[in-house]
């Protein structure tokens, strides 16, 4: 599942500017922010981790 599909499933905006902002808000390393593919892979992992950390419920910081 792509990050776009995952964010849509969670009811969040999946546009590129929103994905970049979410990555920034979640403290994505600067070197990954400069590489779209690395940023997306990092963001996908982080969103899944945030879901797991919150017992499968969507945390407020992922709602947009």
N, C-alpha and C. Protein backbone atom coordinates (compact mmCIF):
# COMPACT_ATOMS: atom_id res chain seq x y z
N UNK A 1 0.85 -1.16 0.00
CA UNK A 1 0.00 0.00 0.00
C UNK A 1 0.90 1.24 0.00
N UNK A 2 0.59 2.18 -0.85
CA UNK A 2 1.38 3.41 -0.94
C UNK A 2 1.03 4.35 0.21
N UNK A 3 1.89 5.33 0.44
CA UNK A 3 1.61 6.33 1.48
C UNK A 3 0.35 7.11 1.13
N UNK A 4 0.12 7.37 -0.15
CA UNK A 4 -1.10 8.08 -0.57
C UNK A 4 -2.33 7.25 -0.19
N UNK A 5 -2.30 5.97 -0.52
CA UNK A 5 -3.43 5.10 -0.17
C UNK A 5 -3.62 5.02 1.34
N UNK A 6 -2.52 4.92 2.07
CA UNK A 6 -2.60 4.82 3.52
C UNK A 6 -3.21 6.08 4.12
N UNK A 7 -2.77 7.25 3.67
CA UNK A 7 -3.31 8.49 4.20
C UNK A 7 -4.79 8.65 3.85
N UNK A 8 -5.16 8.26 2.64
CA UNK A 8 -6.58 8.33 2.25
C UNK A 8 -7.41 7.41 3.13
N UNK A 9 -6.90 6.22 3.39
CA UNK A 9 -7.59 5.26 4.25
C UNK A 9 -7.80 5.84 5.65
N UNK A 10 -6.85 6.62 6.10
CA UNK A 10 -6.94 7.23 7.43
C UNK A 10 -7.78 8.50 7.44
N UNK A 11 -8.22 8.92 6.25
CA UNK A 11 -9.04 10.12 6.15
C UNK A 11 -8.24 11.41 6.14
N UNK A 12 -6.95 11.30 5.82
CA UNK A 12 -6.07 12.47 5.79
C UNK A 12 -5.84 12.93 4.36
N UNK A 13 -5.50 14.19 4.21
CA UNK A 13 -5.12 14.74 2.92
C UNK A 13 -3.83 14.05 2.47
N UNK A 14 -3.79 13.61 1.23
CA UNK A 14 -2.62 12.88 0.75
C UNK A 14 -1.84 13.65 -0.30
N UNK A 15 -2.11 14.94 -0.44
CA UNK A 15 -1.41 15.74 -1.44
C UNK A 15 0.08 15.85 -1.09
N UNK A 16 0.89 16.11 -2.09
CA UNK A 16 2.34 16.20 -1.87
C UNK A 16 2.70 17.27 -0.84
N UNK A 17 2.15 18.48 -0.93
CA UNK A 17 2.50 19.47 0.10
C UNK A 17 2.14 19.01 1.52
N UNK A 18 1.02 18.33 1.65
CA UNK A 18 0.61 17.83 2.97
C UNK A 18 1.53 16.71 3.44
N UNK A 19 1.94 15.83 2.53
CA UNK A 19 2.88 14.76 2.90
C UNK A 19 4.21 15.36 3.36
N UNK A 20 4.68 16.37 2.64
CA UNK A 20 5.94 17.02 3.04
C UNK A 20 5.79 17.68 4.41
N UNK A 21 4.66 18.33 4.65
CA UNK A 21 4.44 18.98 5.95
C UNK A 21 4.35 17.94 7.05
N UNK A 22 3.65 16.84 6.79
CA UNK A 22 3.54 15.78 7.79
C UNK A 22 4.92 15.20 8.11
N UNK A 23 5.72 14.98 7.08
CA UNK A 23 7.09 14.47 7.31
C UNK A 23 7.88 15.45 8.17
N UNK A 24 7.76 16.73 7.88
CA UNK A 24 8.44 17.75 8.67
C UNK A 24 7.93 17.74 10.11
N UNK A 25 6.61 17.69 10.27
CA UNK A 25 6.01 17.68 11.61
C UNK A 25 6.44 16.46 12.42
N UNK A 26 6.69 15.35 11.75
CA UNK A 26 7.08 14.12 12.43
C UNK A 26 8.60 13.98 12.55
N UNK A 27 9.32 15.07 12.26
CA UNK A 27 10.78 15.15 12.42
C UNK A 27 11.55 14.26 11.45
N UNK A 28 11.14 14.27 10.21
CA UNK A 28 11.88 13.54 9.17
C UNK A 28 13.28 14.13 9.07
N UNK A 29 14.31 13.28 9.00
CA UNK A 29 15.67 13.79 8.85
C UNK A 29 15.80 14.65 7.58
N UNK A 30 16.55 15.73 7.68
CA UNK A 30 16.69 16.68 6.58
C UNK A 30 17.20 16.01 5.31
N UNK A 31 18.12 15.07 5.43
CA UNK A 31 18.65 14.40 4.23
C UNK A 31 17.57 13.62 3.49
N UNK A 32 16.58 13.12 4.18
CA UNK A 32 15.48 12.39 3.54
C UNK A 32 14.46 13.34 2.94
N UNK A 33 14.29 14.52 3.54
CA UNK A 33 13.34 15.50 3.00
C UNK A 33 13.75 15.95 1.61
N UNK A 34 15.04 15.95 1.34
CA UNK A 34 15.53 16.38 0.03
C UNK A 34 15.41 15.34 -1.06
N UNK A 35 15.07 14.12 -0.70
CA UNK A 35 14.93 13.02 -1.66
C UNK A 35 13.51 12.47 -1.52
N UNK A 36 12.68 12.74 -2.51
CA UNK A 36 11.26 12.40 -2.44
C UNK A 36 11.03 10.92 -2.13
N UNK A 37 11.76 10.04 -2.78
CA UNK A 37 11.57 8.60 -2.55
C UNK A 37 11.91 8.21 -1.12
N UNK A 38 13.03 8.73 -0.61
CA UNK A 38 13.42 8.41 0.77
C UNK A 38 12.44 9.00 1.77
N UNK A 39 11.96 10.22 1.49
CA UNK A 39 11.01 10.85 2.39
C UNK A 39 9.72 10.03 2.47
N UNK A 40 9.24 9.57 1.31
CA UNK A 40 8.00 8.80 1.27
C UNK A 40 8.15 7.47 2.01
N UNK A 41 9.30 6.81 1.82
CA UNK A 41 9.53 5.54 2.52
C UNK A 41 9.59 5.79 4.03
N UNK A 42 10.28 6.85 4.45
CA UNK A 42 10.39 7.18 5.86
C UNK A 42 9.01 7.50 6.43
N UNK A 43 8.24 8.32 5.70
CA UNK A 43 6.92 8.73 6.16
C UNK A 43 5.98 7.53 6.29
N UNK A 44 6.03 6.62 5.34
CA UNK A 44 5.19 5.42 5.38
C UNK A 44 5.49 4.63 6.65
N UNK A 45 6.77 4.41 6.94
CA UNK A 45 7.16 3.67 8.13
C UNK A 45 6.72 4.40 9.40
N UNK A 46 6.87 5.72 9.40
CA UNK A 46 6.52 6.50 10.58
C UNK A 46 5.01 6.48 10.83
N UNK A 47 4.21 6.59 9.78
CA UNK A 47 2.75 6.55 9.94
C UNK A 47 2.33 5.20 10.50
N UNK A 48 2.89 4.12 9.97
CA UNK A 48 2.57 2.79 10.49
C UNK A 48 2.99 2.66 11.95
N UNK A 49 4.16 3.21 12.31
CA UNK A 49 4.64 3.15 13.69
C UNK A 49 3.73 3.95 14.61
N UNK A 50 3.31 5.14 14.17
CA UNK A 50 2.41 5.96 14.98
C UNK A 50 1.09 5.24 15.23
N UNK A 51 0.58 4.55 14.20
CA UNK A 51 -0.64 3.78 14.36
C UNK A 51 -0.45 2.66 15.39
N UNK A 52 0.67 1.95 15.27
CA UNK A 52 0.96 0.85 16.20
C UNK A 52 1.11 1.37 17.62
N UNK A 53 1.82 2.49 17.76
CA UNK A 53 2.04 3.08 19.09
C UNK A 53 0.74 3.54 19.74
N UNK A 54 -0.26 3.83 18.91
CA UNK A 54 -1.54 4.33 19.41
C UNK A 54 -2.60 3.23 19.43
N UNK A 55 -2.17 1.98 19.48
CA UNK A 55 -3.10 0.86 19.59
C UNK A 55 -3.97 0.65 18.37
N UNK A 56 -3.49 1.08 17.21
CA UNK A 56 -4.27 0.91 15.98
C UNK A 56 -5.23 2.04 15.70
N UNK A 57 -5.33 2.97 16.62
CA UNK A 57 -6.18 4.15 16.43
C UNK A 57 -5.36 5.26 15.78
N UNK A 58 -6.03 6.09 15.00
CA UNK A 58 -5.35 7.17 14.30
C UNK A 58 -5.04 8.29 15.29
N UNK A 59 -3.75 8.59 15.50
CA UNK A 59 -3.40 9.69 16.40
C UNK A 59 -3.79 11.04 15.82
N UNK A 60 -4.03 12.00 16.66
CA UNK A 60 -4.47 13.32 16.22
C UNK A 60 -3.51 13.96 15.22
N UNK A 61 -2.19 13.74 15.41
CA UNK A 61 -1.22 14.38 14.52
C UNK A 61 -1.28 13.85 13.08
N UNK A 62 -1.96 12.73 12.88
CA UNK A 62 -2.09 12.19 11.52
C UNK A 62 -3.39 12.61 10.85
N UNK A 63 -4.28 13.18 11.62
CA UNK A 63 -5.54 13.64 11.04
C UNK A 63 -5.33 14.99 10.41
N UNK A 64 -5.87 15.16 9.20
CA UNK A 64 -5.64 16.45 8.56
C UNK A 64 -6.75 16.97 7.83
